[in-house]
Amino acid sequence: MKICGQNIRKIRRGKDFTQEYMAFEMGISQKAYSDIENSKVKINLEILTKISTILEIKPSEICSISHKCVNDFEGKYNDLLEYMKKNNMSIPEEYL
């Protein structure tokens, strides 16, 4: 997960956000936020979601493993749609 912390730092700096700003937005101390970027704490889904929301990016842009999960889900979804089409099954319009 060290790469996740490095990615967060890189993206944050690219947006000219300070650690203090990020910490304030997350409701934590600057030290606690620094620990996230320095990979001293594990990044869970809640932290990942908060950070990606503040940075206005997808969680997958921070941690590549979440990108793999998204792609895997999307691939299975597309496979299911193809299966349904091949077998002349009706597909609700909201899923297309």
C-alpha atoms as a PDB file:
ATOM      1  CA  MET A   1       0.000   0.000   0.000  1.00  0.00           C
ATOM      2  CA  LYS A   2       3.055   2.252  -0.009  1.00  0.00           C
ATOM      3  CA  ILE A   3       2.266   3.134  -3.606  1.00  0.00           C
ATOM      4  CA  CYS A   4      -1.185   4.381  -2.586  1.00  0.00           C
ATOM      5  CA  GLY A   5       0.320   6.892  -0.161  1.00  0.00           C
ATOM      6  CA  GLN A   6       2.778   8.054  -2.801  1.00  0.00           C
ATOM      7  CA  ASN A   7      -0.032   8.458  -5.339  1.00  0.00           C
ATOM      8  CA  ILE A   8      -2.107  10.474  -2.887  1.00  0.00           C
ATOM      9  CA  ARG A   9       0.834  12.808  -2.224  1.00  0.00           C
ATOM     10  CA  LYS A  10       1.534  13.261  -5.935  1.00  0.00           C
ATOM     11  CA  ILE A  11      -2.094  14.020  -6.802  1.00  0.00           C
ATOM     12  CA  ARG A  12      -2.525  16.311  -3.778  1.00  0.00           C
ATOM     13  CA  ARG A  13       0.568  18.309  -4.690  1.00  0.00           C
ATOM     14  CA  GLY A  14      -0.592  18.516  -8.292  1.00  0.00           C
ATOM     15  CA  LYS A  15      -3.748  20.226  -7.073  1.00  0.00           C
ATOM     16  CA  ASP A  16      -1.750  22.526  -4.765  1.00  0.00           C
ATOM     17  CA  PHE A  17      -3.541  21.180  -1.684  1.00  0.00           C
ATOM     18  CA  THR A  18      -1.687  21.158   1.628  1.00  0.00           C
ATOM     19  CA  GLN A  19      -1.701  18.317   4.102  1.00  0.00           C
ATOM     20  CA  GLU A  20      -3.420  20.700   6.505  1.00  0.00           C
ATOM     21  CA  TYR A  21      -6.238  21.274   4.000  1.00  0.00           C
ATOM     22  CA  MET A  22      -6.688  17.555   3.391  1.00  0.00           C
ATOM     23  CA  ALA A  23      -6.685  16.833   7.119  1.00  0.00           C
ATOM     24  CA  PHE A  24      -9.250  19.563   7.774  1.00  0.00           C
ATOM     25  CA  GLU A  25     -11.557  18.248   5.050  1.00  0.00           C
ATOM     26  CA  MET A  26     -11.255  14.717   6.442  1.00  0.00           C
ATOM     27  CA  GLY A  27     -11.783  15.827  10.047  1.00  0.00           C
ATOM     28  CA  ILE A  28      -8.419  14.497  11.242  1.00  0.00           C
ATOM     29  CA  SER A  29      -5.129  15.997  12.391  1.00  0.00           C
ATOM     30  CA  GLN A  30      -2.363  16.904   9.968  1.00  0.00           C
ATOM     31  CA  LYS A  31      -0.198  14.248  11.642  1.00  0.00           C
ATOM     32  CA  ALA A  32      -2.848  11.585  11.048  1.00  0.00           C
ATOM     33  CA  TYR A  33      -3.081  12.648   7.411  1.00  0.00           C
ATOM     34  CA  SER A  34       0.708  12.601   7.065  1.00  0.00           C
ATOM     35  CA  ASP A  35       0.682   9.024   8.368  1.00  0.00           C
ATOM     36  CA  ILE A  36      -1.669   8.089   5.510  1.00  0.00           C
ATOM     37  CA  GLU A  37       0.644   9.529   2.863  1.00  0.00           C
ATOM     38  CA  ASN A  38       3.667   7.908   4.515  1.00  0.00           C
ATOM     39  CA  SER A  39       1.908   4.521   4.586  1.00  0.00           C
ATOM     40  CA  LYS A  40       2.083   4.299   8.380  1.00  0.00           C
ATOM     41  CA  VAL A  41      -1.605   3.351   8.476  1.00  0.00           C
ATOM     42  CA  LYS A  42      -3.549   1.015   6.225  1.00  0.00           C
ATOM     43  CA  ILE A  43      -5.864   2.740   3.805  1.00  0.00           C
ATOM     44  CA  ASN A  44      -9.357   1.350   4.166  1.00  0.00           C
ATOM     45  CA  LEU A  45     -12.344   2.002   1.922  1.00  0.00           C
ATOM     46  CA  GLU A  46     -13.590   4.879   4.086  1.00  0.00           C
ATOM     47  CA  ILE A  47     -10.250   6.709   3.910  1.00  0.00           C
ATOM     48  CA  LEU A  48      -9.880   5.994   0.200  1.00  0.00           C
ATOM     49  CA  THR A  49     -13.364   7.334  -0.495  1.00  0.00           C
ATOM     50  CA  LYS A  50     -12.842  10.513   1.542  1.00  0.00           C
ATOM     51  CA  ILE A  51      -9.523  11.287  -0.110  1.00  0.00           C
ATOM     52  CA  SER A  52     -10.757  10.596  -3.631  1.00  0.00           C
ATOM     53  CA  THR A  53     -13.801  12.808  -3.013  1.00  0.00           C
ATOM     54  CA  ILE A  54     -11.656  15.702  -1.786  1.00  0.00           C
ATOM     55  CA  LEU A  55      -9.243  15.297  -4.703  1.00  0.00           C
ATOM     56  CA  GLU A  56     -12.186  14.856  -7.120  1.00  0.00           C
ATOM     57  CA  ILE A  57     -10.801  11.653  -8.599  1.00  0.00           C
ATOM     58  CA  LYS A  58     -11.787   7.994  -8.778  1.00  0.00           C
ATOM     59  CA  PRO A  59     -10.458   5.736  -6.014  1.00  0.00           C
ATOM     60  CA  SER A  60      -8.822   3.661  -8.750  1.00  0.00           C
ATOM     61  CA  GLU A  61      -6.547   6.610  -9.529  1.00  0.00           C
ATOM     62  CA  ILE A  62      -5.062   6.223  -6.046  1.00  0.00           C
ATOM     63  CA  CYS A  63      -4.799   2.461  -5.603  1.00  0.00           C
ATOM     64  CA  SER A  64      -4.356   0.187  -8.567  1.00  0.00           C
ATOM     65  CA  ILE A  65      -5.972  -2.741  -6.772  1.00  0.00           C
ATOM     66  CA  SER A  66      -9.309  -0.918  -6.706  1.00  0.00           C
ATOM     67  CA  HIS A  67      -8.854  -0.305 -10.440  1.00  0.00           C
ATOM     68  CA  LYS A  68      -8.527  -4.060 -10.958  1.00  0.00           C
ATOM     69  CA  CYS A  69     -11.691  -4.638  -8.952  1.00  0.00           C
ATOM     70  CA  VAL A  70     -13.596  -2.090 -11.017  1.00  0.00           C
ATOM     71  CA  ASN A  71     -12.366  -3.595 -14.273  1.00  0.00           C
ATOM     72  CA  ASP A  72     -13.177  -7.109 -13.101  1.00  0.00           C
ATOM     73  CA  PHE A  73     -16.703  -6.101 -12.144  1.00  0.00           C
ATOM     74  CA  GLU A  74     -17.197  -4.202 -15.385  1.00  0.00           C
ATOM     75  CA  GLY A  75     -15.929  -7.164 -17.401  1.00  0.00           C
ATOM     76  CA  LYS A  76     -18.289  -9.573 -15.658  1.00  0.00           C
ATOM     77  CA  TYR A  77     -21.173  -7.149 -16.182  1.00  0.00           C
ATOM     78  CA  ASN A  78     -20.415  -6.934 -19.893  1.00  0.00           C
ATOM     79  CA  ASP A  79     -20.087 -10.717 -20.111  1.00  0.00           C
ATOM     80  CA  LEU A  80     -23.493 -11.078 -18.489  1.00  0.00           C
ATOM     81  CA  LEU A  81     -25.072  -8.622 -20.935  1.00  0.00           C
ATOM     82  CA  GLU A  82     -23.545 -10.493 -23.883  1.00  0.00           C
ATOM     83  CA  TYR A  83     -24.828 -13.800 -22.520  1.00  0.00           C
ATOM     84  CA  MET A  84     -28.311 -12.375 -22.135  1.00  0.00           C
ATOM     85  CA  LYS A  85     -28.273 -10.971 -25.673  1.00  0.00           C
ATOM     86  CA  LYS A  86     -27.047 -14.264 -27.184  1.00  0.00           C
ATOM     87  CA  ASN A  87     -29.802 -16.167 -25.407  1.00  0.00           C
ATOM     88  CA  ASN A  88     -32.494 -13.679 -26.389  1.00  0.00           C
ATOM     89  CA  MET A  89     -33.189 -12.744 -22.808  1.00  0.00           C
ATOM     90  CA  SER A  90     -34.867  -9.436 -22.107  1.00  0.00           C
ATOM     91  CA  ILE A  91     -32.597  -6.825 -20.572  1.00  0.00           C
ATOM     92  CA  PRO A  92     -34.145  -4.024 -18.571  1.00  0.00           C
ATOM     93  CA  GLU A  93     -33.526  -0.698 -20.310  1.00  0.00           C
ATOM     94  CA  GLU A  94     -31.858   0.857 -17.245  1.00  0.00           C
ATOM     95  CA  TYR A  95     -29.067  -1.761 -17.498  1.00  0.00           C
ATOM     96  CA  LEU A  96     -28.132  -0.863 -21.059  1.00  0.00           C
END
